[in-house]
Amino acid sequence: MDNTGRLQSDSREENPLYYDLIKKFGEKTGVPVVLNTSFNENEPIVCTPDEAAECFLRTKMDVLVIGPFVCRKPEAQAQA
């Protein structure tokens, strides 16, 4: 909103799942960066996996990753 950002870095030792997700994303796209933003749509930020799934299903998000699980909408699967 104000054209600023806050860099956050991660290491495999600190968070192996997230680190590996970023690494695989980089291998697939050539961009080893994940943009993390507020996860909500006109309501409080999601706090539970159920809230994340509900928000994912009713928005235009293509993919949702929760822990080791990757959820894709049918139209996103065709593009992957």
N, C-alpha and C. Protein backbone atom coordinates (compact mmCIF):
# COMPACT_ATOMS: atom_id res chain seq x y z
N MET A 1 0.82 -1.18 0.00
CA MET A 1 0.00 0.00 0.00
C MET A 1 0.87 1.26 0.00
N ASP A 2 1.97 1.23 0.76
CA ASP A 2 2.82 2.42 0.83
C ASP A 2 4.14 2.22 0.08
N ASN A 3 4.19 1.22 -0.81
CA ASN A 3 5.37 0.93 -1.64
C ASN A 3 6.60 0.54 -0.84
N THR A 4 6.40 -0.04 0.34
CA THR A 4 7.52 -0.53 1.12
C THR A 4 7.36 -2.03 1.31
N GLY A 5 8.39 -2.66 1.77
CA GLY A 5 8.35 -4.08 2.05
C GLY A 5 9.22 -4.40 3.25
N ARG A 6 9.06 -5.59 3.75
CA ARG A 6 9.86 -6.02 4.90
C ARG A 6 10.43 -7.39 4.55
N LEU A 7 11.71 -7.45 4.24
CA LEU A 7 12.37 -8.69 3.88
C LEU A 7 12.44 -9.62 5.08
N GLN A 8 12.08 -10.86 4.84
CA GLN A 8 12.24 -11.89 5.85
C GLN A 8 12.97 -13.05 5.19
N SER A 9 13.99 -13.54 5.83
CA SER A 9 14.73 -14.67 5.27
C SER A 9 14.50 -15.89 6.15
N ASP A 10 14.80 -17.04 5.60
CA ASP A 10 14.57 -18.30 6.30
C ASP A 10 15.75 -19.22 6.05
N SER A 11 15.94 -20.17 6.90
CA SER A 11 16.97 -21.18 6.68
C SER A 11 16.31 -22.55 6.80
N ARG A 12 16.95 -23.52 6.20
CA ARG A 12 16.40 -24.88 6.27
C ARG A 12 16.36 -25.37 7.72
N GLU A 13 17.33 -24.98 8.52
CA GLU A 13 17.37 -25.40 9.92
C GLU A 13 16.19 -24.82 10.71
N GLU A 14 15.80 -23.60 10.40
CA GLU A 14 14.71 -22.95 11.13
C GLU A 14 13.34 -23.47 10.73
N ASN A 15 13.13 -23.70 9.43
CA ASN A 15 11.81 -24.09 8.95
C ASN A 15 11.97 -24.88 7.65
N PRO A 16 12.26 -26.18 7.76
CA PRO A 16 12.56 -26.97 6.57
C PRO A 16 11.42 -27.03 5.55
N LEU A 17 10.17 -27.12 5.98
CA LEU A 17 9.05 -27.18 5.03
C LEU A 17 8.96 -25.91 4.19
N TYR A 18 9.02 -24.77 4.86
CA TYR A 18 8.90 -23.49 4.15
C TYR A 18 10.11 -23.24 3.25
N TYR A 19 11.28 -23.57 3.77
CA TYR A 19 12.51 -23.42 2.99
C TYR A 19 12.44 -24.26 1.71
N ASP A 20 12.02 -25.52 1.86
CA ASP A 20 11.93 -26.40 0.69
C ASP A 20 10.87 -25.93 -0.29
N LEU A 21 9.77 -25.38 0.21
CA LEU A 21 8.74 -24.82 -0.66
C LEU A 21 9.31 -23.70 -1.52
N ILE A 22 10.02 -22.78 -0.88
CA ILE A 22 10.62 -21.66 -1.62
C ILE A 22 11.65 -22.17 -2.62
N LYS A 23 12.45 -23.15 -2.21
CA LYS A 23 13.47 -23.71 -3.11
C LYS A 23 12.81 -24.35 -4.33
N LYS A 24 11.79 -25.16 -4.13
CA LYS A 24 11.11 -25.83 -5.26
C LYS A 24 10.41 -24.80 -6.15
N PHE A 25 9.82 -23.77 -5.55
CA PHE A 25 9.19 -22.71 -6.33
C PHE A 25 10.24 -22.04 -7.21
N GLY A 26 11.41 -21.78 -6.65
CA GLY A 26 12.50 -21.17 -7.41
C GLY A 26 12.98 -22.06 -8.54
N GLU A 27 13.08 -23.36 -8.30
CA GLU A 27 13.50 -24.29 -9.35
C GLU A 27 12.49 -24.31 -10.50
N LYS A 28 11.22 -24.23 -10.16
CA LYS A 28 10.17 -24.31 -11.18
C LYS A 28 10.01 -23.00 -11.96
N THR A 29 10.16 -21.87 -11.27
CA THR A 29 9.86 -20.57 -11.89
C THR A 29 11.08 -19.73 -12.19
N GLY A 30 12.22 -20.03 -11.57
CA GLY A 30 13.39 -19.19 -11.71
C GLY A 30 13.38 -18.01 -10.75
N VAL A 31 12.37 -17.96 -9.89
CA VAL A 31 12.24 -16.87 -8.91
C VAL A 31 12.13 -17.50 -7.52
N PRO A 32 13.23 -17.55 -6.77
CA PRO A 32 13.19 -18.18 -5.46
C PRO A 32 12.69 -17.24 -4.36
N VAL A 33 11.54 -16.65 -4.61
CA VAL A 33 10.96 -15.68 -3.67
C VAL A 33 9.47 -15.98 -3.53
N VAL A 34 8.98 -15.95 -2.31
CA VAL A 34 7.55 -16.10 -2.06
C VAL A 34 7.07 -14.82 -1.41
N LEU A 35 6.02 -14.25 -1.97
CA LEU A 35 5.43 -13.04 -1.39
C LEU A 35 4.42 -13.46 -0.35
N ASN A 36 4.63 -13.03 0.86
CA ASN A 36 3.74 -13.36 1.97
C ASN A 36 2.94 -12.11 2.29
N THR A 37 1.63 -12.21 2.21
CA THR A 37 0.78 -11.07 2.47
C THR A 37 -0.31 -11.47 3.44
N SER A 38 -1.09 -10.51 3.90
CA SER A 38 -2.20 -10.83 4.79
C SER A 38 -3.13 -11.81 4.10
N PHE A 39 -3.53 -12.83 4.79
CA PHE A 39 -4.35 -13.88 4.22
C PHE A 39 -5.79 -13.68 4.68
N ASN A 40 -6.51 -12.89 3.92
CA ASN A 40 -7.91 -12.64 4.21
C ASN A 40 -8.53 -11.90 3.04
N GLU A 41 -9.82 -11.78 3.07
CA GLU A 41 -10.52 -10.98 2.07
C GLU A 41 -11.69 -10.29 2.78
N ASN A 42 -11.47 -9.04 3.16
CA ASN A 42 -12.49 -8.23 3.83
C ASN A 42 -12.99 -8.84 5.13
N GLU A 43 -12.12 -9.53 5.85
CA GLU A 43 -12.43 -10.06 7.17
C GLU A 43 -11.12 -10.19 7.93
N PRO A 44 -11.18 -10.56 9.21
CA PRO A 44 -9.92 -10.73 9.95
C PRO A 44 -9.01 -11.75 9.28
N ILE A 45 -7.72 -11.61 9.49
CA ILE A 45 -6.73 -12.54 8.94
C ILE A 45 -7.03 -13.95 9.41
N VAL A 46 -6.88 -14.93 8.54
CA VAL A 46 -7.17 -16.31 8.91
C VAL A 46 -6.21 -16.78 10.00
N CYS A 47 -6.73 -17.62 10.89
CA CYS A 47 -5.93 -18.12 12.01
C CYS A 47 -5.91 -19.64 12.11
N THR A 48 -6.76 -20.31 11.35
CA THR A 48 -6.84 -21.76 11.44
C THR A 48 -6.82 -22.36 10.03
N PRO A 49 -6.48 -23.64 9.92
CA PRO A 49 -6.55 -24.29 8.61
C PRO A 49 -7.96 -24.24 8.01
N ASP A 50 -8.99 -24.37 8.82
CA ASP A 50 -10.37 -24.29 8.31
C ASP A 50 -10.64 -22.92 7.70
N GLU A 51 -10.22 -21.86 8.38
CA GLU A 51 -10.42 -20.51 7.85
C GLU A 51 -9.63 -20.32 6.56
N ALA A 52 -8.42 -20.89 6.50
CA ALA A 52 -7.60 -20.78 5.29
C ALA A 52 -8.29 -21.49 4.13
N ALA A 53 -8.82 -22.68 4.37
CA ALA A 53 -9.50 -23.43 3.31
C ALA A 53 -10.74 -22.69 2.83
N GLU A 54 -11.52 -22.13 3.75
CA GLU A 54 -12.72 -21.38 3.38
C GLU A 54 -12.36 -20.18 2.51
N CYS A 55 -11.34 -19.43 2.90
CA CYS A 55 -10.91 -18.26 2.13
C CYS A 55 -10.39 -18.69 0.76
N PHE A 56 -9.61 -19.76 0.72
CA PHE A 56 -9.08 -20.29 -0.53
C PHE A 56 -10.20 -20.65 -1.50
N LEU A 57 -11.23 -21.32 -0.99
CA LEU A 57 -12.31 -21.79 -1.86
C LEU A 57 -13.16 -20.66 -2.43
N ARG A 58 -13.31 -19.56 -1.71
CA ARG A 58 -14.20 -18.50 -2.19
C ARG A 58 -13.48 -17.36 -2.90
N THR A 59 -12.15 -17.44 -3.01
CA THR A 59 -11.39 -16.37 -3.67
C THR A 59 -10.75 -16.89 -4.96
N LYS A 60 -9.99 -16.03 -5.60
CA LYS A 60 -9.34 -16.39 -6.86
C LYS A 60 -7.95 -17.00 -6.66
N MET A 61 -7.61 -17.38 -5.42
CA MET A 61 -6.32 -18.03 -5.19
C MET A 61 -6.24 -19.32 -5.98
N ASP A 62 -5.07 -19.61 -6.53
CA ASP A 62 -4.85 -20.83 -7.31
C ASP A 62 -4.41 -22.00 -6.45
N VAL A 63 -3.54 -21.70 -5.47
CA VAL A 63 -2.91 -22.77 -4.69
C VAL A 63 -2.86 -22.36 -3.22
N LEU A 64 -3.07 -23.34 -2.35
CA LEU A 64 -2.95 -23.14 -0.91
C LEU A 64 -2.02 -24.22 -0.38
N VAL A 65 -0.99 -23.82 0.37
CA VAL A 65 -0.07 -24.77 0.98
C VAL A 65 -0.22 -24.65 2.48
N ILE A 66 -0.53 -25.78 3.11
CA ILE A 66 -0.62 -25.83 4.58
C ILE A 66 0.25 -27.00 5.02
N GLY A 67 1.37 -26.69 5.68
CA GLY A 67 2.29 -27.74 6.08
C GLY A 67 2.75 -28.51 4.86
N PRO A 68 2.66 -29.84 4.88
CA PRO A 68 3.11 -30.63 3.74
C PRO A 68 2.05 -30.79 2.64
N PHE A 69 0.89 -30.15 2.79
CA PHE A 69 -0.20 -30.34 1.86
C PHE A 69 -0.31 -29.18 0.87
N VAL A 70 -0.48 -29.52 -0.40
CA VAL A 70 -0.64 -28.53 -1.47
C VAL A 70 -2.04 -28.74 -2.05
N CYS A 71 -2.86 -27.70 -1.99
CA CYS A 71 -4.22 -27.76 -2.54
C CYS A 71 -4.27 -26.87 -3.77
N ARG A 72 -4.78 -27.43 -4.87
CA ARG A 72 -4.93 -26.68 -6.12
C ARG A 72 -6.38 -26.75 -6.54
N LYS A 73 -6.87 -25.66 -7.10
CA LYS A 73 -8.19 -25.67 -7.71
C LYS A 73 -8.08 -26.35 -9.07
N PRO A 74 -9.16 -26.94 -9.57
CA PRO A 74 -9.08 -27.67 -10.86
C PRO A 74 -8.46 -26.86 -11.99
N GLU A 75 -8.81 -25.58 -12.13
CA GLU A 75 -8.22 -24.79 -13.21
C GLU A 75 -6.73 -24.54 -13.00
N ALA A 76 -6.28 -24.51 -11.75
CA ALA A 76 -4.84 -24.35 -11.46
C ALA A 76 -4.09 -25.63 -11.78
N GLN A 77 -4.72 -26.80 -11.59
CA GLN A 77 -4.08 -28.07 -11.88
C GLN A 77 -3.77 -28.18 -13.37
N ALA A 78 -4.66 -27.69 -14.18
CA ALA A 78 -4.47 -27.77 -15.63
C ALA A 78 -3.27 -26.92 -16.08
N GLN A 79 -2.97 -25.85 -15.35
CA GLN A 79 -1.89 -24.95 -15.71
C GLN A 79 -0.55 -25.41 -15.15
N ALA A 80 -0.57 -26.25 -14.11
CA ALA A 80 0.67 -26.67 -13.41
C ALA A 80 1.48 -27.66 -14.21
